[in-house]
N, C-alpha and C. Protein backbone atom coordinates (compact mmCIF):
# COMPACT_ATOMS: atom_id res chain seq x y z
N MET A 1 6.62 -11.13 41.47
CA MET A 1 6.14 -10.86 40.10
C MET A 1 7.07 -11.55 39.10
N PRO A 2 6.56 -12.11 38.00
CA PRO A 2 7.42 -12.74 37.01
C PRO A 2 8.38 -11.73 36.40
N SER A 3 9.63 -12.21 36.13
CA SER A 3 10.63 -11.32 35.55
C SER A 3 10.40 -11.21 34.06
N VAL A 4 9.33 -10.55 33.70
CA VAL A 4 8.91 -10.48 32.30
C VAL A 4 8.44 -9.08 31.99
N ARG A 5 8.87 -8.54 30.84
CA ARG A 5 8.37 -7.25 30.38
C ARG A 5 7.58 -7.47 29.11
N ILE A 6 6.29 -7.22 29.16
CA ILE A 6 5.44 -7.43 28.00
C ILE A 6 5.62 -6.28 27.03
N LEU A 7 5.91 -6.61 25.76
CA LEU A 7 6.14 -5.58 24.76
C LEU A 7 4.83 -5.08 24.15
N LEU A 8 4.03 -6.01 23.63
CA LEU A 8 2.88 -5.57 22.87
C LEU A 8 1.94 -6.74 22.67
N THR A 9 0.66 -6.47 22.67
CA THR A 9 -0.33 -7.50 22.39
C THR A 9 -1.15 -7.05 21.18
N ILE A 10 -1.32 -7.97 20.24
CA ILE A 10 -2.14 -7.67 19.07
C ILE A 10 -3.27 -8.67 19.03
N ALA A 11 -4.51 -8.20 19.05
CA ALA A 11 -5.67 -9.09 19.00
C ALA A 11 -5.72 -9.75 17.63
N ALA A 12 -6.67 -10.67 17.47
CA ALA A 12 -6.72 -11.46 16.25
C ALA A 12 -7.09 -10.59 15.07
N SER A 13 -6.05 -10.10 14.39
CA SER A 13 -6.29 -9.23 13.25
C SER A 13 -5.57 -9.73 12.01
N GLY A 14 -4.84 -10.87 12.18
CA GLY A 14 -4.09 -11.39 11.05
C GLY A 14 -2.72 -10.77 10.93
N LEU A 15 -2.38 -9.80 11.76
CA LEU A 15 -1.08 -9.14 11.69
C LEU A 15 -0.13 -9.84 12.63
N VAL A 16 1.05 -10.20 12.16
CA VAL A 16 2.04 -10.89 12.97
C VAL A 16 3.16 -9.92 13.32
N LEU A 17 3.48 -9.84 14.62
CA LEU A 17 4.51 -8.95 15.10
C LEU A 17 5.87 -9.61 14.99
N ALA A 18 6.82 -8.95 14.38
CA ALA A 18 8.16 -9.50 14.26
C ALA A 18 8.83 -9.51 15.61
N GLY A 19 9.62 -10.58 15.92
CA GLY A 19 10.32 -10.67 17.19
C GLY A 19 11.39 -9.59 17.29
N VAL A 20 11.60 -9.14 18.53
CA VAL A 20 12.64 -8.15 18.78
C VAL A 20 13.81 -8.85 19.43
N ALA A 21 15.01 -8.60 18.96
CA ALA A 21 16.18 -9.32 19.45
C ALA A 21 16.38 -9.06 20.93
N GLY A 22 16.77 -10.13 21.68
CA GLY A 22 17.07 -9.99 23.09
C GLY A 22 18.45 -9.40 23.28
N ALA A 23 18.90 -9.38 24.54
CA ALA A 23 20.18 -8.76 24.85
C ALA A 23 21.32 -9.46 24.13
N ASP A 24 21.19 -10.77 23.88
CA ASP A 24 22.26 -11.49 23.19
C ASP A 24 21.94 -11.67 21.70
N GLY A 25 20.95 -10.97 21.19
CA GLY A 25 20.62 -11.03 19.78
C GLY A 25 19.80 -12.24 19.39
N THR A 26 19.30 -13.00 20.36
CA THR A 26 18.58 -14.23 20.08
C THR A 26 17.08 -14.02 20.10
N GLN A 27 16.43 -14.57 19.11
CA GLN A 27 14.96 -14.51 19.05
C GLN A 27 14.40 -15.91 19.22
N LEU A 28 13.30 -16.01 19.92
CA LEU A 28 12.55 -17.25 20.05
C LEU A 28 11.15 -17.02 19.52
N HIS A 29 10.61 -18.02 18.83
CA HIS A 29 9.27 -17.90 18.26
C HIS A 29 8.45 -19.11 18.70
N GLY A 30 7.34 -18.85 19.36
CA GLY A 30 6.45 -19.92 19.79
C GLY A 30 5.21 -19.94 18.92
N SER A 31 4.61 -21.12 18.82
CA SER A 31 3.39 -21.27 18.03
C SER A 31 2.53 -22.35 18.64
N VAL A 32 1.21 -22.16 18.60
CA VAL A 32 0.28 -23.19 19.05
C VAL A 32 -0.93 -23.18 18.14
N GLY A 33 -1.45 -24.39 17.83
CA GLY A 33 -2.62 -24.51 16.97
C GLY A 33 -2.25 -24.37 15.49
N PRO A 34 -3.32 -24.48 14.65
CA PRO A 34 -4.74 -24.57 15.03
C PRO A 34 -5.15 -25.95 15.54
N GLY A 35 -4.35 -26.99 15.31
CA GLY A 35 -4.64 -28.30 15.86
C GLY A 35 -3.91 -28.51 17.17
N PHE A 36 -3.62 -29.78 17.49
CA PHE A 36 -2.95 -30.10 18.74
C PHE A 36 -1.44 -30.06 18.53
N THR A 37 -0.92 -28.88 18.16
CA THR A 37 0.50 -28.72 17.91
C THR A 37 1.03 -27.51 18.67
N ILE A 38 2.27 -27.62 19.12
CA ILE A 38 2.93 -26.51 19.80
C ILE A 38 4.41 -26.59 19.46
N SER A 39 5.07 -25.43 19.31
CA SER A 39 6.47 -25.45 18.93
C SER A 39 7.20 -24.23 19.48
N LEU A 40 8.52 -24.37 19.58
CA LEU A 40 9.40 -23.27 19.95
C LEU A 40 10.61 -23.35 19.04
N VAL A 41 10.85 -22.30 18.24
CA VAL A 41 11.94 -22.31 17.26
C VAL A 41 12.76 -21.05 17.39
N ASP A 42 13.94 -21.06 16.75
CA ASP A 42 14.77 -19.86 16.74
C ASP A 42 14.45 -19.02 15.51
N GLY A 43 15.26 -17.99 15.27
CA GLY A 43 14.99 -17.07 14.16
C GLY A 43 15.06 -17.72 12.80
N SER A 44 15.77 -18.86 12.69
CA SER A 44 15.87 -19.55 11.40
C SER A 44 14.78 -20.60 11.22
N GLY A 45 13.94 -20.78 12.24
CA GLY A 45 12.87 -21.77 12.16
C GLY A 45 13.26 -23.14 12.65
N THR A 46 14.46 -23.26 13.26
CA THR A 46 14.92 -24.54 13.80
C THR A 46 14.39 -24.76 15.20
N ALA A 47 13.90 -25.95 15.48
CA ALA A 47 13.38 -26.26 16.81
C ALA A 47 14.46 -26.03 17.87
N VAL A 48 14.06 -25.42 18.98
CA VAL A 48 14.99 -25.08 20.06
C VAL A 48 14.78 -26.03 21.22
N LYS A 49 15.86 -26.71 21.63
CA LYS A 49 15.81 -27.60 22.78
C LYS A 49 16.71 -27.12 23.92
N HIS A 50 17.74 -26.31 23.57
CA HIS A 50 18.71 -25.87 24.57
C HIS A 50 19.25 -24.50 24.19
N VAL A 51 19.36 -23.60 25.17
CA VAL A 51 19.97 -22.28 24.96
C VAL A 51 20.80 -21.94 26.19
N ASP A 52 21.70 -20.99 26.04
CA ASP A 52 22.46 -20.47 27.17
C ASP A 52 21.61 -19.44 27.91
N PRO A 53 21.88 -19.21 29.20
CA PRO A 53 21.11 -18.20 29.94
C PRO A 53 21.23 -16.83 29.30
N GLY A 54 20.20 -15.99 29.48
CA GLY A 54 20.23 -14.63 28.95
C GLY A 54 18.83 -14.08 28.78
N THR A 55 18.78 -12.87 28.22
CA THR A 55 17.50 -12.23 27.93
C THR A 55 17.14 -12.47 26.47
N PHE A 56 15.94 -12.94 26.23
CA PHE A 56 15.50 -13.29 24.89
C PHE A 56 14.19 -12.57 24.56
N SER A 57 13.97 -12.38 23.27
CA SER A 57 12.65 -11.96 22.83
C SER A 57 11.87 -13.21 22.47
N LEU A 58 10.62 -13.25 22.86
CA LEU A 58 9.75 -14.38 22.55
C LEU A 58 8.50 -13.84 21.88
N THR A 59 8.27 -14.23 20.64
CA THR A 59 7.06 -13.87 19.92
C THR A 59 6.22 -15.11 19.74
N VAL A 60 4.98 -15.05 20.20
CA VAL A 60 4.10 -16.22 20.17
C VAL A 60 2.95 -15.98 19.20
N ASP A 61 2.76 -16.93 18.29
CA ASP A 61 1.65 -16.89 17.34
C ASP A 61 0.62 -17.93 17.79
N ASP A 62 -0.44 -17.45 18.42
CA ASP A 62 -1.51 -18.32 18.91
C ASP A 62 -2.58 -18.38 17.83
N LYS A 63 -2.69 -19.55 17.19
CA LYS A 63 -3.57 -19.70 16.03
C LYS A 63 -4.90 -20.38 16.37
N SER A 64 -5.20 -20.53 17.66
CA SER A 64 -6.40 -21.27 18.05
C SER A 64 -7.14 -20.58 19.18
N ASP A 65 -8.47 -20.60 19.13
CA ASP A 65 -9.27 -20.09 20.23
C ASP A 65 -9.69 -21.21 21.18
N GLU A 66 -9.02 -22.37 21.06
CA GLU A 66 -9.26 -23.49 21.97
C GLU A 66 -7.99 -23.87 22.74
N HIS A 67 -6.85 -23.35 22.32
CA HIS A 67 -5.58 -23.65 22.97
C HIS A 67 -4.86 -22.33 23.29
N ASN A 68 -3.79 -22.44 24.07
CA ASN A 68 -2.93 -21.28 24.29
C ASN A 68 -1.49 -21.73 24.43
N PHE A 69 -0.58 -20.77 24.43
CA PHE A 69 0.85 -21.04 24.61
C PHE A 69 1.27 -20.46 25.94
N HIS A 70 1.82 -21.30 26.83
CA HIS A 70 2.20 -20.89 28.17
C HIS A 70 3.63 -21.34 28.42
N LEU A 71 4.54 -20.40 28.68
CA LEU A 71 5.93 -20.71 29.01
C LEU A 71 6.14 -20.45 30.49
N GLN A 72 6.69 -21.44 31.19
CA GLN A 72 6.82 -21.34 32.64
C GLN A 72 8.11 -22.02 33.06
N GLY A 73 8.79 -21.42 34.07
CA GLY A 73 10.01 -22.05 34.56
C GLY A 73 10.77 -21.20 35.55
N PRO A 74 12.04 -21.54 35.81
CA PRO A 74 12.84 -20.87 36.83
C PRO A 74 12.97 -19.37 36.60
N GLY A 75 13.27 -18.65 37.69
CA GLY A 75 13.45 -17.21 37.59
C GLY A 75 12.15 -16.43 37.53
N GLY A 76 11.03 -17.09 37.81
CA GLY A 76 9.75 -16.40 37.79
C GLY A 76 9.17 -16.20 36.41
N VAL A 77 9.68 -16.88 35.40
CA VAL A 77 9.14 -16.74 34.05
C VAL A 77 7.77 -17.42 33.98
N ASP A 78 6.76 -16.67 33.58
CA ASP A 78 5.39 -17.20 33.51
C ASP A 78 4.60 -16.30 32.56
N VAL A 79 4.66 -16.62 31.26
CA VAL A 79 4.00 -15.80 30.24
C VAL A 79 3.09 -16.67 29.41
N SER A 80 1.99 -16.10 28.93
CA SER A 80 1.05 -16.93 28.17
C SER A 80 0.15 -16.06 27.30
N THR A 81 -0.47 -16.72 26.32
CA THR A 81 -1.53 -16.11 25.54
C THR A 81 -2.87 -16.55 26.13
N GLY A 82 -3.97 -15.98 25.64
CA GLY A 82 -5.29 -16.33 26.16
C GLY A 82 -5.82 -17.59 25.52
N VAL A 83 -6.53 -18.39 26.31
CA VAL A 83 -7.09 -19.64 25.80
C VAL A 83 -8.12 -19.38 24.71
N ASP A 84 -8.95 -18.36 24.90
CA ASP A 84 -10.06 -18.14 23.97
C ASP A 84 -9.76 -17.05 22.94
N ALA A 85 -8.49 -16.76 22.72
CA ALA A 85 -8.13 -15.68 21.79
C ALA A 85 -7.17 -16.20 20.72
N ILE A 86 -7.34 -15.69 19.50
CA ILE A 86 -6.35 -15.88 18.43
C ILE A 86 -5.57 -14.58 18.38
N GLU A 87 -4.27 -14.65 18.67
CA GLU A 87 -3.51 -13.42 18.85
C GLU A 87 -2.02 -13.67 18.69
N THR A 88 -1.27 -12.58 18.56
CA THR A 88 0.19 -12.63 18.58
C THR A 88 0.67 -11.76 19.72
N LYS A 89 1.54 -12.32 20.55
CA LYS A 89 2.10 -11.58 21.68
C LYS A 89 3.62 -11.67 21.65
N SER A 90 4.27 -10.61 22.11
CA SER A 90 5.72 -10.61 22.23
C SER A 90 6.11 -10.25 23.66
N PHE A 91 7.16 -10.91 24.13
CA PHE A 91 7.65 -10.71 25.49
C PHE A 91 9.17 -10.63 25.47
N PHE A 92 9.76 -10.00 26.50
CA PHE A 92 11.16 -10.20 26.85
C PHE A 92 11.18 -11.16 28.03
N VAL A 93 11.97 -12.21 27.97
CA VAL A 93 12.06 -13.16 29.08
C VAL A 93 13.52 -13.33 29.48
N ASP A 94 13.76 -13.35 30.77
CA ASP A 94 15.10 -13.57 31.33
C ASP A 94 15.20 -15.03 31.72
N LEU A 95 15.94 -15.82 30.93
CA LEU A 95 16.06 -17.26 31.17
C LEU A 95 17.32 -17.57 31.96
N VAL A 96 17.17 -18.37 33.00
CA VAL A 96 18.29 -18.77 33.85
C VAL A 96 18.45 -20.29 33.75
N ASP A 97 19.51 -20.81 34.37
CA ASP A 97 19.75 -22.25 34.33
C ASP A 97 18.53 -23.03 34.82
N GLY A 98 18.17 -24.05 34.10
CA GLY A 98 17.05 -24.89 34.52
C GLY A 98 16.23 -25.37 33.33
N THR A 99 15.14 -26.02 33.61
CA THR A 99 14.26 -26.56 32.59
C THR A 99 12.95 -25.79 32.56
N TYR A 100 12.58 -25.31 31.38
CA TYR A 100 11.34 -24.56 31.17
C TYR A 100 10.36 -25.45 30.40
N THR A 101 9.09 -25.25 30.67
CA THR A 101 8.05 -26.01 29.99
C THR A 101 7.14 -25.05 29.23
N PHE A 102 6.82 -25.40 27.98
CA PHE A 102 5.80 -24.64 27.24
C PHE A 102 4.68 -25.61 26.91
N PHE A 103 3.43 -25.15 27.13
CA PHE A 103 2.31 -26.06 27.06
C PHE A 103 1.02 -25.29 26.84
N CYS A 104 -0.06 -26.03 26.59
CA CYS A 104 -1.41 -25.47 26.51
C CYS A 104 -2.08 -25.71 27.85
N ASP A 105 -2.68 -24.67 28.45
CA ASP A 105 -3.32 -24.82 29.75
C ASP A 105 -4.50 -25.78 29.72
N VAL A 106 -5.17 -25.88 28.58
CA VAL A 106 -6.34 -26.75 28.48
C VAL A 106 -5.93 -28.21 28.30
N HIS A 107 -4.81 -28.44 27.61
CA HIS A 107 -4.35 -29.81 27.33
C HIS A 107 -2.87 -29.93 27.72
N PRO A 108 -2.55 -29.80 29.02
CA PRO A 108 -1.14 -29.73 29.44
C PRO A 108 -0.34 -31.00 29.23
N THR A 109 -1.00 -32.15 29.13
CA THR A 109 -0.27 -33.39 28.93
C THR A 109 -0.20 -33.80 27.46
N GLN A 110 -1.03 -33.18 26.62
CA GLN A 110 -1.06 -33.52 25.20
C GLN A 110 -0.29 -32.52 24.35
N ILE A 111 -0.32 -31.25 24.74
CA ILE A 111 0.32 -30.20 23.96
C ILE A 111 1.40 -29.58 24.85
N THR A 112 2.63 -30.03 24.70
CA THR A 112 3.69 -29.59 25.62
C THR A 112 5.07 -29.80 25.01
N GLY A 113 6.05 -29.08 25.54
CA GLY A 113 7.43 -29.23 25.14
C GLY A 113 8.32 -28.67 26.23
N THR A 114 9.63 -28.90 26.13
CA THR A 114 10.57 -28.43 27.15
C THR A 114 11.73 -27.69 26.51
N LEU A 115 12.31 -26.78 27.27
CA LEU A 115 13.49 -26.02 26.87
C LEU A 115 14.47 -26.05 28.02
N ILE A 116 15.68 -26.54 27.77
CA ILE A 116 16.73 -26.57 28.80
C ILE A 116 17.63 -25.35 28.61
N VAL A 117 17.85 -24.63 29.70
CA VAL A 117 18.70 -23.44 29.68
C VAL A 117 19.94 -23.71 30.52
N GLY A 118 21.11 -23.46 29.95
CA GLY A 118 22.35 -23.70 30.67
C GLY A 118 22.71 -25.17 30.69
N THR A 119 23.40 -25.59 31.74
CA THR A 119 23.82 -26.98 31.88
C THR A 119 22.63 -27.87 32.16
N SER A 120 22.55 -28.96 31.44
CA SER A 120 21.44 -29.88 31.65
C SER A 120 21.48 -30.45 33.06
N PRO A 121 20.36 -30.42 33.78
CA PRO A 121 20.34 -30.97 35.13
C PRO A 121 20.43 -32.48 35.09
N PRO A 122 20.89 -33.10 36.19
CA PRO A 122 20.92 -34.57 36.22
C PRO A 122 19.51 -35.13 36.07
N VAL A 123 19.43 -36.27 35.43
CA VAL A 123 18.14 -36.89 35.21
C VAL A 123 17.60 -37.43 36.54
N ALA A 124 16.41 -37.03 36.90
CA ALA A 124 15.79 -37.48 38.14
C ALA A 124 14.55 -38.29 37.81
N PRO A 125 14.14 -39.17 38.72
CA PRO A 125 12.92 -39.93 38.49
C PRO A 125 11.74 -38.98 38.29
N PRO A 126 10.83 -39.31 37.40
CA PRO A 126 9.68 -38.43 37.18
C PRO A 126 8.87 -38.23 38.45
N ALA A 127 8.51 -36.99 38.71
CA ALA A 127 7.73 -36.69 39.91
C ALA A 127 6.28 -37.11 39.69
N THR A 128 5.66 -37.54 40.77
CA THR A 128 4.25 -37.91 40.70
C THR A 128 3.40 -36.65 40.58
N THR A 129 2.51 -36.63 39.62
CA THR A 129 1.65 -35.47 39.41
C THR A 129 0.40 -35.57 40.28
N THR A 130 0.18 -34.55 41.09
CA THR A 130 -1.02 -34.48 41.92
C THR A 130 -2.18 -34.00 41.07
N ARG A 131 -3.32 -34.64 41.21
CA ARG A 131 -4.51 -34.25 40.44
C ARG A 131 -5.60 -33.78 41.40
N LEU A 132 -6.15 -32.61 41.09
CA LEU A 132 -7.14 -31.98 41.95
C LEU A 132 -8.31 -31.49 41.13
N VAL A 133 -9.43 -31.24 41.80
CA VAL A 133 -10.61 -30.66 41.16
C VAL A 133 -11.04 -29.45 41.99
N LEU A 134 -11.12 -28.30 41.33
CA LEU A 134 -11.56 -27.07 41.99
C LEU A 134 -12.88 -26.65 41.36
N THR A 135 -13.94 -26.60 42.18
CA THR A 135 -15.28 -26.33 41.66
C THR A 135 -15.87 -25.10 42.33
N VAL A 136 -16.47 -24.21 41.53
CA VAL A 136 -17.19 -23.07 42.08
C VAL A 136 -18.56 -22.99 41.42
N THR A 137 -19.57 -22.78 42.25
CA THR A 137 -20.93 -22.53 41.78
C THR A 137 -21.37 -21.20 42.37
N ALA A 138 -22.62 -20.85 42.17
CA ALA A 138 -23.13 -19.60 42.72
C ALA A 138 -23.15 -19.61 44.24
N LYS A 139 -23.13 -20.84 44.85
CA LYS A 139 -23.30 -20.93 46.29
C LYS A 139 -22.19 -21.67 47.03
N ALA A 140 -21.27 -22.29 46.31
CA ALA A 140 -20.27 -23.12 46.99
C ALA A 140 -18.94 -23.13 46.24
N LEU A 141 -17.89 -23.43 46.99
CA LEU A 141 -16.53 -23.51 46.46
C LEU A 141 -15.85 -24.69 47.13
N ALA A 142 -15.20 -25.56 46.34
CA ALA A 142 -14.59 -26.75 46.93
C ALA A 142 -13.34 -27.15 46.16
N LEU A 143 -12.32 -27.63 46.91
CA LEU A 143 -11.11 -28.22 46.34
C LEU A 143 -11.06 -29.66 46.80
N THR A 144 -11.09 -30.60 45.85
CA THR A 144 -11.17 -32.01 46.19
C THR A 144 -10.21 -32.83 45.32
N THR A 145 -10.12 -34.11 45.64
CA THR A 145 -9.45 -35.05 44.77
C THR A 145 -10.41 -35.43 43.65
N PRO A 146 -9.95 -36.09 42.58
CA PRO A 146 -10.88 -36.52 41.53
C PRO A 146 -11.98 -37.44 42.06
N ALA A 147 -11.71 -38.11 43.20
CA ALA A 147 -12.72 -38.99 43.79
C ALA A 147 -13.70 -38.23 44.66
N GLY A 148 -13.51 -36.91 44.82
CA GLY A 148 -14.43 -36.11 45.59
C GLY A 148 -14.08 -35.95 47.06
N LYS A 149 -12.89 -36.40 47.48
CA LYS A 149 -12.49 -36.27 48.88
C LYS A 149 -11.88 -34.89 49.14
N ALA A 150 -12.13 -34.36 50.33
CA ALA A 150 -11.57 -33.06 50.70
C ALA A 150 -10.06 -33.14 50.76
N VAL A 151 -9.39 -32.03 50.40
CA VAL A 151 -7.93 -31.97 50.39
C VAL A 151 -7.45 -31.27 51.65
N LYS A 152 -6.63 -31.96 52.45
CA LYS A 152 -6.15 -31.39 53.70
C LYS A 152 -4.67 -31.04 53.67
N ALA A 153 -3.91 -31.66 52.77
CA ALA A 153 -2.48 -31.39 52.63
C ALA A 153 -2.05 -31.83 51.24
N LEU A 154 -0.99 -31.19 50.72
CA LEU A 154 -0.51 -31.49 49.37
C LEU A 154 1.01 -31.60 49.36
N PRO A 155 1.56 -32.46 48.50
CA PRO A 155 3.01 -32.50 48.33
C PRO A 155 3.46 -31.45 47.33
N LYS A 156 4.65 -30.93 47.49
CA LYS A 156 5.16 -30.01 46.48
C LYS A 156 5.51 -30.79 45.22
N GLY A 157 5.47 -30.09 44.09
CA GLY A 157 5.75 -30.75 42.83
C GLY A 157 4.66 -30.46 41.82
N PRO A 158 4.67 -31.17 40.70
CA PRO A 158 3.70 -30.89 39.63
C PRO A 158 2.28 -31.28 40.02
N ALA A 159 1.34 -30.48 39.56
CA ALA A 159 -0.07 -30.76 39.81
C ALA A 159 -0.90 -30.33 38.61
N VAL A 160 -1.94 -31.07 38.33
CA VAL A 160 -2.91 -30.70 37.29
C VAL A 160 -4.25 -30.50 37.99
N ILE A 161 -4.79 -29.31 37.86
CA ILE A 161 -6.02 -28.95 38.56
C ILE A 161 -7.13 -28.75 37.53
N THR A 162 -8.17 -29.55 37.62
CA THR A 162 -9.34 -29.39 36.76
C THR A 162 -10.26 -28.37 37.42
N VAL A 163 -10.44 -27.24 36.77
CA VAL A 163 -11.26 -26.16 37.33
C VAL A 163 -12.63 -26.19 36.67
N ARG A 164 -13.66 -26.32 37.50
CA ARG A 164 -15.03 -26.35 37.00
C ARG A 164 -15.75 -25.11 37.51
N ASP A 165 -15.87 -24.14 36.65
CA ASP A 165 -16.53 -22.87 37.00
C ASP A 165 -17.96 -22.95 36.49
N ARG A 166 -18.90 -23.06 37.41
CA ARG A 166 -20.30 -23.25 37.04
C ARG A 166 -21.14 -21.99 37.24
N SER A 167 -20.49 -20.88 37.54
CA SER A 167 -21.22 -19.65 37.83
C SER A 167 -20.84 -18.56 36.83
N ALA A 168 -21.86 -17.93 36.25
CA ALA A 168 -21.61 -16.84 35.31
C ALA A 168 -21.36 -15.52 36.03
N ARG A 169 -21.48 -15.53 37.35
CA ARG A 169 -21.30 -14.31 38.13
C ARG A 169 -20.16 -14.39 39.12
N ARG A 170 -19.43 -15.50 39.09
CA ARG A 170 -18.30 -15.65 39.99
C ARG A 170 -17.10 -16.23 39.25
N GLY A 171 -15.92 -15.88 39.72
CA GLY A 171 -14.70 -16.50 39.26
C GLY A 171 -14.06 -17.25 40.41
N VAL A 172 -13.05 -18.04 40.10
CA VAL A 172 -12.34 -18.77 41.14
C VAL A 172 -10.85 -18.52 40.95
N ARG A 173 -10.12 -18.46 42.05
CA ARG A 173 -8.69 -18.15 41.95
C ARG A 173 -7.88 -18.98 42.93
N LEU A 174 -6.63 -19.24 42.53
CA LEU A 174 -5.66 -19.92 43.38
C LEU A 174 -4.48 -18.98 43.58
N SER A 175 -3.92 -18.99 44.80
CA SER A 175 -2.74 -18.18 45.07
C SER A 175 -1.89 -18.89 46.12
N GLY A 176 -0.64 -18.47 46.22
CA GLY A 176 0.28 -19.07 47.17
C GLY A 176 0.88 -20.36 46.66
N ALA A 177 1.92 -20.85 47.35
CA ALA A 177 2.61 -22.10 46.99
C ALA A 177 3.11 -22.06 45.54
N GLY A 178 3.51 -20.87 45.07
CA GLY A 178 4.04 -20.72 43.72
C GLY A 178 3.00 -20.64 42.64
N VAL A 179 1.73 -20.44 43.01
CA VAL A 179 0.63 -20.45 42.04
C VAL A 179 -0.12 -19.12 42.09
N SER A 180 -0.50 -18.60 40.94
CA SER A 180 -1.37 -17.43 40.86
C SER A 180 -2.19 -17.55 39.59
N ARG A 181 -3.41 -18.07 39.72
CA ARG A 181 -4.25 -18.31 38.56
C ARG A 181 -5.69 -17.92 38.88
N THR A 182 -6.45 -17.52 37.87
CA THR A 182 -7.86 -17.18 38.06
C THR A 182 -8.63 -17.44 36.77
N THR A 183 -9.92 -17.78 36.90
CA THR A 183 -10.75 -17.98 35.71
C THR A 183 -11.36 -16.68 35.23
N GLY A 184 -11.53 -15.70 36.14
CA GLY A 184 -12.25 -14.49 35.77
C GLY A 184 -13.74 -14.65 36.00
N VAL A 185 -14.40 -13.56 36.27
CA VAL A 185 -15.82 -13.60 36.64
C VAL A 185 -16.69 -14.12 35.49
N ARG A 186 -16.38 -13.75 34.26
CA ARG A 186 -17.26 -14.08 33.13
C ARG A 186 -17.09 -15.49 32.60
N PHE A 187 -16.00 -16.15 32.99
CA PHE A 187 -15.74 -17.49 32.45
C PHE A 187 -16.72 -18.51 33.05
N VAL A 188 -17.29 -19.35 32.19
CA VAL A 188 -18.10 -20.48 32.62
C VAL A 188 -17.64 -21.69 31.81
N GLY A 189 -17.27 -22.76 32.50
CA GLY A 189 -16.80 -23.93 31.79
C GLY A 189 -15.76 -24.68 32.59
N THR A 190 -15.00 -25.52 31.90
CA THR A 190 -13.98 -26.35 32.54
C THR A 190 -12.64 -26.10 31.87
N VAL A 191 -11.60 -25.95 32.68
CA VAL A 191 -10.26 -25.74 32.18
C VAL A 191 -9.28 -26.49 33.08
N LYS A 192 -8.16 -26.91 32.52
CA LYS A 192 -7.14 -27.59 33.32
C LYS A 192 -5.92 -26.69 33.47
N TRP A 193 -5.42 -26.57 34.69
CA TRP A 193 -4.23 -25.79 34.98
C TRP A 193 -3.10 -26.74 35.37
N ALA A 194 -1.99 -26.65 34.68
CA ALA A 194 -0.78 -27.38 35.06
C ALA A 194 0.09 -26.43 35.87
N VAL A 195 0.36 -26.76 37.11
CA VAL A 195 1.11 -25.87 37.99
C VAL A 195 2.23 -26.65 38.68
N GLU A 196 3.14 -25.92 39.27
CA GLU A 196 4.23 -26.50 40.07
C GLU A 196 4.07 -25.97 41.49
N LEU A 197 3.68 -26.83 42.40
CA LEU A 197 3.44 -26.42 43.77
C LEU A 197 4.76 -26.35 44.54
N SER A 198 4.96 -25.25 45.26
CA SER A 198 6.14 -25.09 46.10
C SER A 198 5.71 -25.07 47.57
N THR A 199 6.68 -25.17 48.46
CA THR A 199 6.38 -25.20 49.89
C THR A 199 5.65 -23.92 50.31
N GLY A 200 4.60 -24.06 51.08
CA GLY A 200 3.83 -22.91 51.52
C GLY A 200 2.38 -23.30 51.75
N ALA A 201 1.47 -22.40 51.43
CA ALA A 201 0.05 -22.66 51.59
C ALA A 201 -0.67 -22.30 50.30
N LEU A 202 -1.44 -23.22 49.77
CA LEU A 202 -2.24 -22.99 48.57
C LEU A 202 -3.60 -22.47 49.01
N VAL A 203 -3.96 -21.28 48.52
CA VAL A 203 -5.22 -20.64 48.93
C VAL A 203 -6.18 -20.67 47.75
N TYR A 204 -7.40 -21.15 47.99
CA TYR A 204 -8.43 -21.13 46.94
C TYR A 204 -9.59 -20.27 47.42
N ALA A 205 -10.09 -19.43 46.53
CA ALA A 205 -11.13 -18.47 46.89
C ALA A 205 -11.90 -18.07 45.64
N SER A 206 -13.08 -17.48 45.85
CA SER A 206 -13.84 -16.91 44.76
C SER A 206 -13.60 -15.40 44.76
N ASP A 207 -14.24 -14.70 43.83
CA ASP A 207 -14.14 -13.25 43.85
C ASP A 207 -14.87 -12.72 45.10
N PRO A 208 -14.59 -11.48 45.53
CA PRO A 208 -15.09 -11.01 46.82
C PRO A 208 -16.54 -10.56 46.87
N ARG A 209 -17.31 -10.72 45.78
CA ARG A 209 -18.69 -10.24 45.82
C ARG A 209 -19.51 -11.02 46.85
N LYS A 210 -20.51 -10.38 47.40
CA LYS A 210 -21.34 -10.99 48.44
C LYS A 210 -22.49 -11.78 47.81
N PRO A 211 -22.96 -12.86 48.47
CA PRO A 211 -22.39 -13.40 49.70
C PRO A 211 -21.05 -14.08 49.44
N VAL A 212 -20.09 -13.84 50.33
CA VAL A 212 -18.73 -14.36 50.15
C VAL A 212 -18.75 -15.87 50.35
N LEU A 213 -18.16 -16.60 49.40
CA LEU A 213 -18.07 -18.04 49.52
C LEU A 213 -16.85 -18.41 50.35
N ARG A 214 -17.00 -19.41 51.15
CA ARG A 214 -15.90 -19.85 51.99
C ARG A 214 -14.90 -20.65 51.18
N GLY A 215 -13.64 -20.18 51.16
CA GLY A 215 -12.57 -20.89 50.48
C GLY A 215 -11.76 -21.70 51.48
N GLY A 216 -10.45 -21.74 51.28
CA GLY A 216 -9.62 -22.49 52.22
C GLY A 216 -8.15 -22.36 51.92
N ARG A 217 -7.33 -22.88 52.83
CA ARG A 217 -5.87 -22.89 52.72
C ARG A 217 -5.41 -24.33 52.93
N VAL A 218 -4.55 -24.81 52.03
CA VAL A 218 -4.05 -26.16 52.13
C VAL A 218 -2.53 -26.10 52.22
N PRO A 219 -1.93 -26.68 53.27
CA PRO A 219 -0.46 -26.65 53.38
C PRO A 219 0.19 -27.50 52.30
N VAL A 220 1.32 -27.02 51.78
CA VAL A 220 2.10 -27.74 50.78
C VAL A 220 3.50 -27.94 51.31
N ALA A 221 3.96 -29.18 51.37
CA ALA A 221 5.29 -29.47 51.92
C ALA A 221 5.93 -30.63 51.16
């Protein structure tokens, strides 16, 4: 489970929740929208690129029903607002040494930023991003490459998965290999998930309603 304690969620009512100081007195404020903008600032409004490890309060102002704010990184930190909601959310997050990414799930390569915690890691060559397509209809479920080929094995590292949910009565979900994501039964449409695959098995499945659609397991190494 992510090392995160959710404080409070306020639906789109125009009311903004003030950040609560973390254990070291530091506040972080995230914002996304209404256009293709995303930011992470401190209590004074200064952009944050580096902080020391510790527990922080994070208050996110999501100003768009087309984008969301998603913070993900070491220590199991994985918090986000809803893609289709305008809302303010506050979290406590325990940040450890490493690099964290904040991004929009729908536009992960266009709306994104990074936060370095602790000592900056050595610069490494950029990892190749794996691109996948996960499709669910009322009768079938498939995980393929963008060219439509079946996926039999995956490398660990960053991946962008285009999810095409074509059924109003089914959802699709991914689990394992460091991933836990779902569209939900009522969602119909296309969304992109930016994930970090770890060693293990990536499992794709639909919701359990009958007739059960056949999913699959793909090894990640």
